[in-house]
N, C-alpha and C. Protein backbone atom coordinates (compact mmCIF):
# COMPACT_ATOMS: atom_id res chain seq x y z
N MET A 1 -12.42 5.96 -20.78
CA MET A 1 -11.19 5.19 -20.69
C MET A 1 -11.35 3.91 -21.51
N SER A 2 -10.35 3.57 -22.29
CA SER A 2 -10.43 2.38 -23.13
C SER A 2 -10.34 1.11 -22.29
N ASP A 3 -10.73 0.01 -22.92
CA ASP A 3 -10.67 -1.28 -22.25
C ASP A 3 -9.22 -1.62 -21.86
N LEU A 4 -8.27 -1.32 -22.75
CA LEU A 4 -6.86 -1.59 -22.47
C LEU A 4 -6.40 -0.79 -21.26
N ALA A 5 -6.77 0.49 -21.21
CA ALA A 5 -6.38 1.33 -20.08
C ALA A 5 -6.99 0.83 -18.78
N THR A 6 -8.21 0.34 -18.85
CA THR A 6 -8.88 -0.20 -17.66
C THR A 6 -8.17 -1.46 -17.18
N ARG A 7 -7.82 -2.35 -18.12
CA ARG A 7 -7.11 -3.57 -17.75
C ARG A 7 -5.70 -3.26 -17.23
N PHE A 8 -5.08 -2.22 -17.81
CA PHE A 8 -3.75 -1.79 -17.37
C PHE A 8 -3.81 -1.31 -15.91
N GLN A 9 -4.80 -0.52 -15.58
CA GLN A 9 -4.96 -0.03 -14.21
C GLN A 9 -5.26 -1.18 -13.25
N ALA A 10 -6.09 -2.12 -13.70
CA ALA A 10 -6.40 -3.28 -12.86
C ALA A 10 -5.15 -4.11 -12.61
N ALA A 11 -4.30 -4.25 -13.63
CA ALA A 11 -3.05 -5.00 -13.47
C ALA A 11 -2.12 -4.28 -12.51
N ALA A 12 -2.10 -2.95 -12.57
CA ALA A 12 -1.28 -2.17 -11.64
C ALA A 12 -1.75 -2.41 -10.20
N ASP A 13 -3.05 -2.44 -10.00
CA ASP A 13 -3.60 -2.73 -8.67
C ASP A 13 -3.25 -4.15 -8.23
N ASP A 14 -3.39 -5.09 -9.17
CA ASP A 14 -3.10 -6.50 -8.86
C ASP A 14 -1.62 -6.71 -8.53
N SER A 15 -0.74 -5.93 -9.16
CA SER A 15 0.70 -6.11 -8.94
C SER A 15 1.08 -5.83 -7.49
N LYS A 16 0.28 -5.03 -6.82
CA LYS A 16 0.56 -4.69 -5.41
C LYS A 16 0.07 -5.78 -4.47
N LYS A 17 -0.69 -6.75 -5.01
CA LYS A 17 -1.28 -7.79 -4.17
C LYS A 17 -0.72 -9.17 -4.47
N LEU A 18 0.41 -9.25 -5.15
CA LEU A 18 0.98 -10.54 -5.49
C LEU A 18 1.35 -11.30 -4.22
N SER A 19 1.12 -12.61 -4.24
CA SER A 19 1.38 -13.41 -3.04
C SER A 19 2.88 -13.56 -2.77
N LYS A 20 3.69 -13.48 -3.84
CA LYS A 20 5.14 -13.65 -3.70
C LYS A 20 5.85 -12.49 -4.39
N ARG A 21 6.89 -11.96 -3.76
CA ARG A 21 7.65 -10.86 -4.36
C ARG A 21 8.46 -11.39 -5.53
N PRO A 22 8.31 -10.78 -6.71
CA PRO A 22 9.08 -11.23 -7.88
C PRO A 22 10.58 -10.97 -7.70
N ASP A 23 11.39 -11.68 -8.49
CA ASP A 23 12.83 -11.44 -8.43
C ASP A 23 13.14 -10.07 -9.04
N ASN A 24 14.37 -9.62 -8.86
CA ASN A 24 14.75 -8.27 -9.29
C ASN A 24 14.59 -8.05 -10.79
N ASP A 25 14.94 -9.05 -11.62
CA ASP A 25 14.78 -8.89 -13.07
C ASP A 25 13.32 -8.69 -13.45
N THR A 26 12.45 -9.45 -12.80
CA THR A 26 11.02 -9.32 -13.07
C THR A 26 10.49 -7.98 -12.59
N LEU A 27 10.99 -7.54 -11.43
CA LEU A 27 10.58 -6.22 -10.92
C LEU A 27 10.99 -5.12 -11.90
N LEU A 28 12.17 -5.24 -12.50
CA LEU A 28 12.61 -4.24 -13.48
C LEU A 28 11.72 -4.28 -14.73
N LYS A 29 11.32 -5.48 -15.15
CA LYS A 29 10.41 -5.59 -16.31
C LYS A 29 9.06 -4.96 -15.99
N LEU A 30 8.57 -5.22 -14.77
CA LEU A 30 7.31 -4.60 -14.35
C LEU A 30 7.42 -3.08 -14.39
N TYR A 31 8.50 -2.57 -13.80
CA TYR A 31 8.72 -1.13 -13.75
C TYR A 31 8.79 -0.54 -15.17
N ALA A 32 9.61 -1.15 -16.01
CA ALA A 32 9.84 -0.60 -17.35
C ALA A 32 8.57 -0.62 -18.20
N THR A 33 7.85 -1.74 -18.17
CA THR A 33 6.63 -1.81 -18.99
C THR A 33 5.55 -0.88 -18.45
N PHE A 34 5.50 -0.73 -17.12
CA PHE A 34 4.53 0.20 -16.54
C PHE A 34 4.85 1.64 -16.96
N LYS A 35 6.12 2.03 -16.82
CA LYS A 35 6.50 3.40 -17.18
C LYS A 35 6.31 3.67 -18.66
N GLN A 36 6.68 2.71 -19.52
CA GLN A 36 6.50 2.90 -20.96
C GLN A 36 5.03 2.99 -21.30
N GLY A 37 4.21 2.16 -20.64
CA GLY A 37 2.78 2.17 -20.91
C GLY A 37 2.08 3.41 -20.40
N SER A 38 2.58 3.98 -19.31
CA SER A 38 1.92 5.14 -18.72
C SER A 38 2.53 6.47 -19.16
N SER A 39 3.84 6.49 -19.40
CA SER A 39 4.51 7.76 -19.70
C SER A 39 5.15 7.85 -21.07
N GLY A 40 5.31 6.73 -21.75
CA GLY A 40 5.98 6.75 -23.05
C GLY A 40 7.48 6.61 -22.87
N ASP A 41 8.24 7.06 -23.87
CA ASP A 41 9.69 6.90 -23.86
C ASP A 41 10.34 7.60 -22.67
N VAL A 42 11.45 6.99 -22.23
CA VAL A 42 12.21 7.52 -21.10
C VAL A 42 12.71 8.93 -21.43
N GLU A 43 12.73 9.78 -20.42
CA GLU A 43 13.22 11.14 -20.57
C GLU A 43 14.17 11.46 -19.43
N GLY A 44 14.93 12.51 -19.60
CA GLY A 44 15.82 12.94 -18.53
C GLY A 44 17.17 12.25 -18.62
N LYS A 45 18.02 12.63 -17.68
CA LYS A 45 19.38 12.10 -17.65
C LYS A 45 19.42 10.80 -16.87
N ARG A 46 20.34 9.95 -17.26
CA ARG A 46 20.57 8.69 -16.56
C ARG A 46 21.16 9.02 -15.18
N PRO A 47 20.65 8.38 -14.13
CA PRO A 47 21.18 8.64 -12.79
C PRO A 47 22.68 8.32 -12.70
N GLY A 48 23.33 8.96 -11.76
CA GLY A 48 24.78 8.79 -11.58
C GLY A 48 25.14 7.39 -11.11
N PHE A 49 26.44 7.08 -11.16
CA PHE A 49 26.89 5.72 -10.86
C PHE A 49 26.69 5.33 -9.40
N THR A 50 26.45 6.27 -8.53
CA THR A 50 26.21 5.92 -7.12
C THR A 50 24.76 5.49 -6.88
N ASP A 51 23.88 5.77 -7.83
CA ASP A 51 22.47 5.39 -7.71
C ASP A 51 22.22 4.13 -8.53
N LEU A 52 22.62 2.98 -7.98
CA LEU A 52 22.54 1.73 -8.73
C LEU A 52 21.10 1.35 -9.08
N VAL A 53 20.19 1.51 -8.14
CA VAL A 53 18.79 1.16 -8.39
C VAL A 53 18.20 2.08 -9.46
N GLY A 54 18.46 3.36 -9.32
CA GLY A 54 17.96 4.33 -10.30
C GLY A 54 18.48 4.06 -11.69
N ARG A 55 19.76 3.71 -11.78
CA ARG A 55 20.36 3.38 -13.08
C ARG A 55 19.72 2.13 -13.68
N ALA A 56 19.51 1.12 -12.86
CA ALA A 56 18.91 -0.13 -13.35
C ALA A 56 17.50 0.14 -13.88
N LYS A 57 16.73 0.93 -13.14
CA LYS A 57 15.38 1.27 -13.58
C LYS A 57 15.41 2.06 -14.88
N TYR A 58 16.29 3.06 -14.94
CA TYR A 58 16.41 3.89 -16.13
C TYR A 58 16.78 3.03 -17.35
N ASP A 59 17.78 2.16 -17.16
CA ASP A 59 18.24 1.32 -18.27
C ASP A 59 17.15 0.37 -18.75
N ALA A 60 16.40 -0.22 -17.80
CA ALA A 60 15.32 -1.14 -18.17
C ALA A 60 14.26 -0.40 -18.98
N TRP A 61 13.92 0.80 -18.55
CA TRP A 61 12.93 1.60 -19.26
C TRP A 61 13.46 2.03 -20.62
N ALA A 62 14.73 2.42 -20.68
CA ALA A 62 15.33 2.89 -21.93
C ALA A 62 15.34 1.79 -23.00
N LYS A 63 15.42 0.52 -22.59
CA LYS A 63 15.40 -0.59 -23.55
C LYS A 63 14.08 -0.65 -24.31
N LEU A 64 13.03 -0.09 -23.74
CA LEU A 64 11.71 -0.12 -24.39
C LEU A 64 11.45 1.12 -25.25
N LYS A 65 12.45 1.97 -25.39
CA LYS A 65 12.27 3.20 -26.17
C LYS A 65 11.75 2.86 -27.56
N GLY A 66 10.72 3.57 -27.97
CA GLY A 66 10.12 3.35 -29.28
C GLY A 66 8.95 2.37 -29.26
N THR A 67 8.78 1.66 -28.13
CA THR A 67 7.65 0.73 -28.01
C THR A 67 6.37 1.55 -27.83
N PRO A 68 5.35 1.31 -28.65
CA PRO A 68 4.09 2.05 -28.47
C PRO A 68 3.51 1.81 -27.08
N LYS A 69 2.87 2.83 -26.54
CA LYS A 69 2.28 2.73 -25.20
C LYS A 69 1.34 1.54 -25.09
N GLU A 70 0.53 1.32 -26.13
CA GLU A 70 -0.44 0.23 -26.10
C GLU A 70 0.25 -1.13 -25.99
N ASP A 71 1.36 -1.29 -26.71
CA ASP A 71 2.11 -2.56 -26.65
C ASP A 71 2.70 -2.75 -25.26
N ALA A 72 3.25 -1.69 -24.68
CA ALA A 72 3.82 -1.77 -23.34
C ALA A 72 2.74 -2.08 -22.31
N MET A 73 1.58 -1.48 -22.48
CA MET A 73 0.47 -1.77 -21.56
C MET A 73 0.11 -3.25 -21.60
N GLN A 74 0.02 -3.81 -22.81
CA GLN A 74 -0.34 -5.22 -22.96
C GLN A 74 0.75 -6.12 -22.36
N GLN A 75 2.02 -5.76 -22.58
CA GLN A 75 3.13 -6.53 -22.00
C GLN A 75 3.04 -6.52 -20.47
N TYR A 76 2.72 -5.38 -19.92
CA TYR A 76 2.59 -5.25 -18.46
C TYR A 76 1.44 -6.12 -17.95
N ILE A 77 0.30 -6.05 -18.61
CA ILE A 77 -0.87 -6.84 -18.22
C ILE A 77 -0.53 -8.33 -18.27
N ASP A 78 0.12 -8.76 -19.36
CA ASP A 78 0.48 -10.17 -19.52
C ASP A 78 1.47 -10.61 -18.43
N LEU A 79 2.42 -9.76 -18.10
CA LEU A 79 3.41 -10.10 -17.07
C LEU A 79 2.75 -10.23 -15.70
N VAL A 80 1.89 -9.29 -15.35
CA VAL A 80 1.20 -9.37 -14.06
C VAL A 80 0.33 -10.62 -14.00
N GLU A 81 -0.37 -10.93 -15.10
CA GLU A 81 -1.20 -12.14 -15.12
C GLU A 81 -0.36 -13.39 -14.92
N SER A 82 0.81 -13.44 -15.54
CA SER A 82 1.68 -14.62 -15.39
C SER A 82 2.19 -14.73 -13.95
N LEU A 83 2.40 -13.62 -13.29
CA LEU A 83 2.87 -13.64 -11.90
C LEU A 83 1.75 -14.04 -10.94
N LYS A 84 0.53 -13.68 -11.29
CA LYS A 84 -0.61 -14.04 -10.43
C LYS A 84 -0.83 -15.56 -10.44
N SER A 85 -0.58 -16.18 -11.59
CA SER A 85 -0.83 -17.61 -11.69
C SER A 85 0.38 -18.45 -11.28
N ALA A 86 1.50 -17.79 -11.02
CA ALA A 86 2.73 -18.52 -10.64
C ALA A 86 2.70 -18.92 -9.18
């Protein structure tokens, strides 16, 4: 496993131990950068209009389409680090 992948996994573990729950926009950024870093570009159909949370997550992830996995991993690591020090 590469150093980046190791730090990405450590950041994922750290994100579950944050002292304060991030606001919804930050949670969407965490979700989107994690999914892009772990799975790549968004796939599948956008959830229906009754699934507001699912749509928000899908849209946040879709904004990162085309972002290389490594870049998304680094963005996720940086975001988690900034939340740990906040």
